């Protein structure tokens, strides 16, 4: 049960990131969330939307894993998508902003550990 809740939290987090990147990138909330300027945000708007779409795919995979009727397959889906989130968080933390390691990586790692223990 705890693993399912944590997987759900990671999925919701990535839906929120999708929303920020695809729809709020150039707004004050988006600028603050990603620590960027209006000029940079305007110039990178299409890249951010693309990035947001990929976060949506991660969320969709995690939601799919929660709804899949076969528990063994659902667990494999959870492992796959959580590892993808964790790798993305590590890469983002190294190349973009260190806080990504905590904001995205830590919840994914916690969920992954609980899925592995279940």
N, C-alpha and C. Protein backbone atom coordinates (compact mmCIF):
# COMPACT_ATOMS: atom_id res chain seq x y z
N UNK A 1 0.83 -1.20 0.00
CA UNK A 1 0.00 0.00 0.00
C UNK A 1 0.87 1.26 0.00
N UNK A 2 1.92 1.28 0.82
CA UNK A 2 2.81 2.44 0.88
C UNK A 2 3.49 2.64 -0.47
N UNK A 3 3.91 1.54 -1.09
CA UNK A 3 4.57 1.67 -2.39
C UNK A 3 3.62 2.28 -3.43
N UNK A 4 2.37 1.89 -3.42
CA UNK A 4 1.40 2.44 -4.37
C UNK A 4 1.18 3.93 -4.12
N UNK A 5 1.13 4.33 -2.88
CA UNK A 5 0.97 5.76 -2.54
C UNK A 5 2.18 6.55 -3.04
N UNK A 6 3.37 6.02 -2.80
CA UNK A 6 4.59 6.72 -3.23
C UNK A 6 4.68 6.80 -4.76
N UNK A 7 4.31 5.72 -5.44
CA UNK A 7 4.30 5.74 -6.90
C UNK A 7 3.30 6.80 -7.38
N UNK A 8 2.15 6.86 -6.73
CA UNK A 8 1.14 7.86 -7.08
C UNK A 8 1.65 9.28 -6.86
N UNK A 9 2.38 9.50 -5.79
CA UNK A 9 2.96 10.83 -5.52
C UNK A 9 3.95 11.22 -6.61
N UNK A 10 4.80 10.28 -7.01
CA UNK A 10 5.76 10.56 -8.08
C UNK A 10 5.02 10.87 -9.38
N UNK A 11 3.96 10.12 -9.67
CA UNK A 11 3.16 10.38 -10.88
C UNK A 11 2.54 11.78 -10.83
N UNK A 12 1.96 12.14 -9.69
CA UNK A 12 1.34 13.47 -9.56
C UNK A 12 2.39 14.57 -9.68
N UNK A 13 3.56 14.34 -9.11
CA UNK A 13 4.63 15.32 -9.21
C UNK A 13 5.00 15.56 -10.68
N UNK A 14 5.05 14.50 -11.46
CA UNK A 14 5.42 14.65 -12.86
C UNK A 14 4.29 15.26 -13.70
N UNK A 15 3.06 15.05 -13.30
CA UNK A 15 1.96 15.77 -13.95
C UNK A 15 2.06 17.27 -13.66
N UNK A 16 2.45 17.60 -12.44
CA UNK A 16 2.62 19.01 -12.08
C UNK A 16 3.79 19.63 -12.85
N UNK A 17 4.88 18.88 -12.99
CA UNK A 17 6.02 19.37 -13.76
C UNK A 17 5.61 19.57 -15.22
N UNK A 18 4.83 18.64 -15.77
CA UNK A 18 4.29 18.80 -17.13
C UNK A 18 3.55 20.13 -17.23
N UNK A 19 2.68 20.39 -16.28
CA UNK A 19 1.88 21.62 -16.27
C UNK A 19 2.79 22.86 -16.21
N UNK A 20 3.79 22.82 -15.34
CA UNK A 20 4.71 23.95 -15.23
C UNK A 20 5.47 24.18 -16.54
N UNK A 21 5.99 23.11 -17.10
CA UNK A 21 6.83 23.25 -18.29
C UNK A 21 6.03 23.54 -19.56
N UNK A 22 4.86 22.99 -19.68
CA UNK A 22 4.09 23.18 -20.91
C UNK A 22 3.22 24.43 -20.89
N UNK A 23 2.74 24.82 -19.72
CA UNK A 23 1.75 25.90 -19.68
C UNK A 23 2.16 27.11 -18.85
N UNK A 24 3.09 26.95 -17.91
CA UNK A 24 3.47 28.07 -17.05
C UNK A 24 4.92 28.51 -17.22
N UNK A 25 5.61 27.98 -18.21
CA UNK A 25 7.04 28.21 -18.38
C UNK A 25 7.41 29.70 -18.37
N UNK A 26 6.63 30.53 -19.04
CA UNK A 26 6.97 31.95 -19.16
C UNK A 26 6.23 32.83 -18.15
N UNK A 27 5.50 32.23 -17.24
CA UNK A 27 4.78 33.00 -16.23
C UNK A 27 5.67 33.20 -15.00
N UNK A 28 5.32 34.13 -14.12
CA UNK A 28 6.12 34.32 -12.90
C UNK A 28 6.31 33.02 -12.09
N UNK A 29 5.27 32.19 -12.03
CA UNK A 29 5.38 30.93 -11.29
C UNK A 29 6.40 30.00 -11.95
N UNK A 30 6.35 29.90 -13.28
CA UNK A 30 7.31 29.08 -14.02
C UNK A 30 8.73 29.62 -13.91
N UNK A 31 8.87 30.93 -14.03
CA UNK A 31 10.19 31.54 -13.92
C UNK A 31 10.80 31.27 -12.55
N UNK A 32 9.99 31.39 -11.52
CA UNK A 32 10.47 31.14 -10.15
C UNK A 32 10.82 29.67 -9.95
N UNK A 33 9.95 28.78 -10.42
CA UNK A 33 10.16 27.34 -10.22
C UNK A 33 11.46 26.86 -10.86
N UNK A 34 11.78 27.43 -12.02
CA UNK A 34 12.95 26.95 -12.75
C UNK A 34 14.13 27.92 -12.69
N UNK A 35 13.97 29.02 -11.96
CA UNK A 35 15.07 29.95 -11.76
C UNK A 35 15.60 30.54 -13.05
N UNK A 36 14.70 30.95 -13.92
CA UNK A 36 15.11 31.49 -15.21
C UNK A 36 14.57 32.91 -15.39
N UNK A 37 14.97 33.54 -16.46
CA UNK A 37 14.50 34.90 -16.76
C UNK A 37 13.43 34.84 -17.85
N UNK A 38 12.70 35.92 -17.99
CA UNK A 38 11.65 36.00 -19.00
C UNK A 38 12.22 35.80 -20.41
N UNK A 39 13.36 36.42 -20.69
CA UNK A 39 13.97 36.29 -22.02
C UNK A 39 14.37 34.85 -22.32
N UNK A 40 15.03 34.22 -21.37
CA UNK A 40 15.45 32.83 -21.56
C UNK A 40 14.23 31.92 -21.69
N UNK A 41 13.22 32.18 -20.87
CA UNK A 41 12.00 31.36 -20.92
C UNK A 41 11.31 31.50 -22.27
N UNK A 42 11.23 32.70 -22.79
CA UNK A 42 10.60 32.90 -24.10
C UNK A 42 11.38 32.18 -25.19
N UNK A 43 12.72 32.26 -25.11
CA UNK A 43 13.56 31.63 -26.13
C UNK A 43 13.52 30.10 -26.06
N UNK A 44 13.23 29.56 -24.88
CA UNK A 44 13.26 28.11 -24.70
C UNK A 44 11.87 27.50 -24.51
N UNK A 45 10.85 28.26 -24.82
CA UNK A 45 9.47 27.83 -24.57
C UNK A 45 9.13 26.49 -25.24
N UNK A 46 9.51 26.30 -26.49
CA UNK A 46 9.17 25.05 -27.18
C UNK A 46 9.98 23.88 -26.62
N UNK A 47 11.21 24.13 -26.21
CA UNK A 47 12.02 23.08 -25.59
C UNK A 47 11.40 22.65 -24.26
N UNK A 48 10.95 23.63 -23.48
CA UNK A 48 10.33 23.32 -22.20
C UNK A 48 9.05 22.52 -22.38
N UNK A 49 8.26 22.88 -23.39
CA UNK A 49 7.02 22.14 -23.65
C UNK A 49 7.32 20.70 -24.01
N UNK A 50 8.36 20.49 -24.80
CA UNK A 50 8.78 19.14 -25.16
C UNK A 50 9.21 18.38 -23.93
N UNK A 51 9.97 19.02 -23.08
CA UNK A 51 10.41 18.42 -21.82
C UNK A 51 9.21 18.08 -20.94
N UNK A 52 8.25 18.96 -20.91
CA UNK A 52 7.04 18.72 -20.13
C UNK A 52 6.28 17.49 -20.63
N UNK A 53 6.25 17.35 -21.95
CA UNK A 53 5.58 16.18 -22.53
C UNK A 53 6.24 14.89 -22.06
N UNK A 54 7.57 14.87 -22.02
CA UNK A 54 8.28 13.69 -21.55
C UNK A 54 7.98 13.40 -20.08
N UNK A 55 7.85 14.44 -19.27
CA UNK A 55 7.45 14.23 -17.88
C UNK A 55 6.05 13.65 -17.81
N UNK A 56 5.20 14.05 -18.74
CA UNK A 56 3.86 13.47 -18.81
C UNK A 56 3.89 12.00 -19.15
N UNK A 57 4.83 11.61 -20.03
CA UNK A 57 4.96 10.19 -20.35
C UNK A 57 5.38 9.39 -19.12
N UNK A 58 6.27 9.95 -18.32
CA UNK A 58 6.68 9.26 -17.09
C UNK A 58 5.48 9.10 -16.16
N UNK A 59 4.71 10.17 -16.02
CA UNK A 59 3.51 10.12 -15.17
C UNK A 59 2.52 9.08 -15.71
N UNK A 60 2.32 9.07 -17.02
CA UNK A 60 1.39 8.12 -17.62
C UNK A 60 1.83 6.68 -17.36
N UNK A 61 3.11 6.42 -17.47
CA UNK A 61 3.61 5.07 -17.20
C UNK A 61 3.40 4.66 -15.76
N UNK A 62 3.62 5.60 -14.85
CA UNK A 62 3.42 5.28 -13.43
C UNK A 62 1.94 5.06 -13.11
N UNK A 63 1.08 5.87 -13.71
CA UNK A 63 -0.36 5.68 -13.51
C UNK A 63 -0.80 4.35 -14.11
N UNK A 64 -0.29 4.03 -15.28
CA UNK A 64 -0.57 2.73 -15.91
C UNK A 64 -0.16 1.61 -14.98
N UNK A 65 0.99 1.73 -14.34
CA UNK A 65 1.46 0.68 -13.43
C UNK A 65 0.54 0.51 -12.23
N UNK A 66 -0.08 1.58 -11.81
CA UNK A 66 -1.01 1.50 -10.67
C UNK A 66 -2.34 0.87 -11.05
N UNK A 67 -2.70 0.97 -12.31
CA UNK A 67 -3.99 0.47 -12.78
C UNK A 67 -3.91 -0.91 -13.43
N UNK A 68 -2.71 -1.37 -13.72
CA UNK A 68 -2.56 -2.63 -14.43
C UNK A 68 -3.08 -3.79 -13.58
N UNK A 69 -3.91 -4.66 -14.14
CA UNK A 69 -4.56 -5.70 -13.34
C UNK A 69 -3.65 -6.84 -12.87
N UNK A 70 -2.58 -7.10 -13.57
CA UNK A 70 -1.67 -8.18 -13.19
C UNK A 70 -0.58 -7.59 -12.30
N UNK A 71 -0.54 -8.00 -11.03
CA UNK A 71 0.37 -7.41 -10.05
C UNK A 71 1.84 -7.57 -10.43
N UNK A 72 2.20 -8.69 -11.02
CA UNK A 72 3.60 -8.92 -11.40
C UNK A 72 4.03 -7.97 -12.52
N UNK A 73 3.16 -7.79 -13.49
CA UNK A 73 3.45 -6.86 -14.59
C UNK A 73 3.45 -5.42 -14.07
N UNK A 74 2.49 -5.11 -13.21
CA UNK A 74 2.41 -3.76 -12.63
C UNK A 74 3.70 -3.41 -11.88
N UNK A 75 4.23 -4.36 -11.16
CA UNK A 75 5.48 -4.14 -10.42
C UNK A 75 6.63 -3.87 -11.37
N UNK A 76 6.71 -4.63 -12.46
CA UNK A 76 7.76 -4.40 -13.45
C UNK A 76 7.62 -3.03 -14.10
N UNK A 77 6.41 -2.61 -14.37
CA UNK A 77 6.18 -1.27 -14.92
C UNK A 77 6.63 -0.20 -13.92
N UNK A 78 6.29 -0.40 -12.65
CA UNK A 78 6.70 0.56 -11.63
C UNK A 78 8.21 0.65 -11.55
N UNK A 79 8.88 -0.49 -11.55
CA UNK A 79 10.34 -0.49 -11.49
C UNK A 79 10.93 0.25 -12.69
N UNK A 80 10.44 -0.04 -13.87
CA UNK A 80 10.96 0.59 -15.08
C UNK A 80 10.79 2.11 -15.02
N UNK A 81 9.56 2.56 -14.77
CA UNK A 81 9.31 4.01 -14.82
C UNK A 81 9.96 4.75 -13.65
N UNK A 82 10.05 4.14 -12.49
CA UNK A 82 10.74 4.78 -11.38
C UNK A 82 12.24 4.90 -11.64
N UNK A 83 12.83 3.89 -12.25
CA UNK A 83 14.25 3.98 -12.62
C UNK A 83 14.44 5.08 -13.67
N UNK A 84 13.51 5.19 -14.62
CA UNK A 84 13.59 6.27 -15.61
C UNK A 84 13.54 7.64 -14.93
N UNK A 85 12.65 7.81 -13.97
CA UNK A 85 12.55 9.07 -13.23
C UNK A 85 13.84 9.33 -12.47
N UNK A 86 14.36 8.31 -11.84
CA UNK A 86 15.59 8.46 -11.05
C UNK A 86 16.77 8.85 -11.96
N UNK A 87 16.90 8.22 -13.09
CA UNK A 87 17.97 8.56 -14.04
C UNK A 87 17.80 10.00 -14.53
N UNK A 88 16.57 10.39 -14.85
CA UNK A 88 16.32 11.76 -15.30
C UNK A 88 16.66 12.76 -14.19
N UNK A 89 16.35 12.41 -12.95
CA UNK A 89 16.65 13.30 -11.83
C UNK A 89 18.16 13.44 -11.63
N UNK A 90 18.88 12.35 -11.75
CA UNK A 90 20.34 12.40 -11.61
C UNK A 90 20.93 13.26 -12.73
N UNK A 91 20.50 13.01 -13.96
CA UNK A 91 21.00 13.79 -15.08
C UNK A 91 20.66 15.27 -14.93
N UNK A 92 19.41 15.55 -14.57
CA UNK A 92 18.99 16.94 -14.36
C UNK A 92 19.74 17.61 -13.22
N UNK A 93 20.00 16.86 -12.16
CA UNK A 93 20.74 17.40 -11.03
C UNK A 93 22.18 17.74 -11.39
N UNK A 94 22.76 16.94 -12.27
CA UNK A 94 24.15 17.18 -12.70
C UNK A 94 24.22 18.30 -13.73
N UNK A 95 23.28 18.33 -14.66
CA UNK A 95 23.40 19.25 -15.79
C UNK A 95 22.59 20.53 -15.68
N UNK A 96 21.53 20.54 -14.87
CA UNK A 96 20.65 21.71 -14.84
C UNK A 96 20.61 22.40 -13.47
N UNK A 97 20.09 21.70 -12.49
CA UNK A 97 19.87 22.31 -11.17
C UNK A 97 19.97 21.22 -10.12
N UNK A 98 20.85 21.40 -9.16
CA UNK A 98 21.10 20.36 -8.16
C UNK A 98 19.85 19.99 -7.36
N UNK A 99 18.95 20.92 -7.17
CA UNK A 99 17.75 20.64 -6.38
C UNK A 99 16.87 19.57 -7.02
N UNK A 100 17.05 19.32 -8.32
CA UNK A 100 16.28 18.27 -8.99
C UNK A 100 16.54 16.92 -8.33
N UNK A 101 17.77 16.73 -7.86
CA UNK A 101 18.09 15.47 -7.16
C UNK A 101 17.17 15.24 -5.98
N UNK A 102 16.87 16.30 -5.23
CA UNK A 102 15.99 16.17 -4.06
C UNK A 102 14.52 16.17 -4.45
N UNK A 103 14.14 17.11 -5.31
CA UNK A 103 12.73 17.29 -5.64
C UNK A 103 12.16 16.12 -6.43
N UNK A 104 12.93 15.62 -7.40
CA UNK A 104 12.45 14.50 -8.21
C UNK A 104 13.10 13.18 -7.83
N UNK A 105 14.36 13.22 -7.52
CA UNK A 105 15.10 11.99 -7.26
C UNK A 105 14.73 11.32 -5.96
N UNK A 106 14.59 12.10 -4.90
CA UNK A 106 14.31 11.51 -3.59
C UNK A 106 12.95 10.80 -3.55
N UNK A 107 11.86 11.42 -4.03
CA UNK A 107 10.59 10.69 -4.04
C UNK A 107 10.65 9.42 -4.91
N UNK A 108 11.33 9.52 -6.05
CA UNK A 108 11.45 8.35 -6.93
C UNK A 108 12.25 7.24 -6.25
N UNK A 109 13.32 7.61 -5.57
CA UNK A 109 14.14 6.62 -4.86
C UNK A 109 13.34 5.96 -3.74
N UNK A 110 12.60 6.76 -2.98
CA UNK A 110 11.78 6.20 -1.90
C UNK A 110 10.75 5.23 -2.46
N UNK A 111 10.07 5.64 -3.52
CA UNK A 111 9.06 4.76 -4.14
C UNK A 111 9.72 3.49 -4.67
N UNK A 112 10.87 3.64 -5.31
CA UNK A 112 11.59 2.48 -5.85
C UNK A 112 11.95 1.49 -4.75
N UNK A 113 12.45 1.99 -3.66
CA UNK A 113 12.83 1.12 -2.53
C UNK A 113 11.61 0.38 -1.98
N UNK A 114 10.50 1.08 -1.85
CA UNK A 114 9.30 0.43 -1.34
C UNK A 114 8.73 -0.60 -2.32
N UNK A 115 8.82 -0.30 -3.62
CA UNK A 115 8.38 -1.28 -4.62
C UNK A 115 9.28 -2.52 -4.55
N UNK A 116 10.57 -2.31 -4.43
CA UNK A 116 11.50 -3.44 -4.33
C UNK A 116 11.24 -4.29 -3.09
N UNK A 117 10.83 -3.65 -2.00
CA UNK A 117 10.56 -4.38 -0.75
C UNK A 117 9.20 -5.06 -0.74
N UNK A 118 8.33 -4.65 -1.66
CA UNK A 118 6.98 -5.23 -1.64
C UNK A 118 6.92 -6.57 -2.35
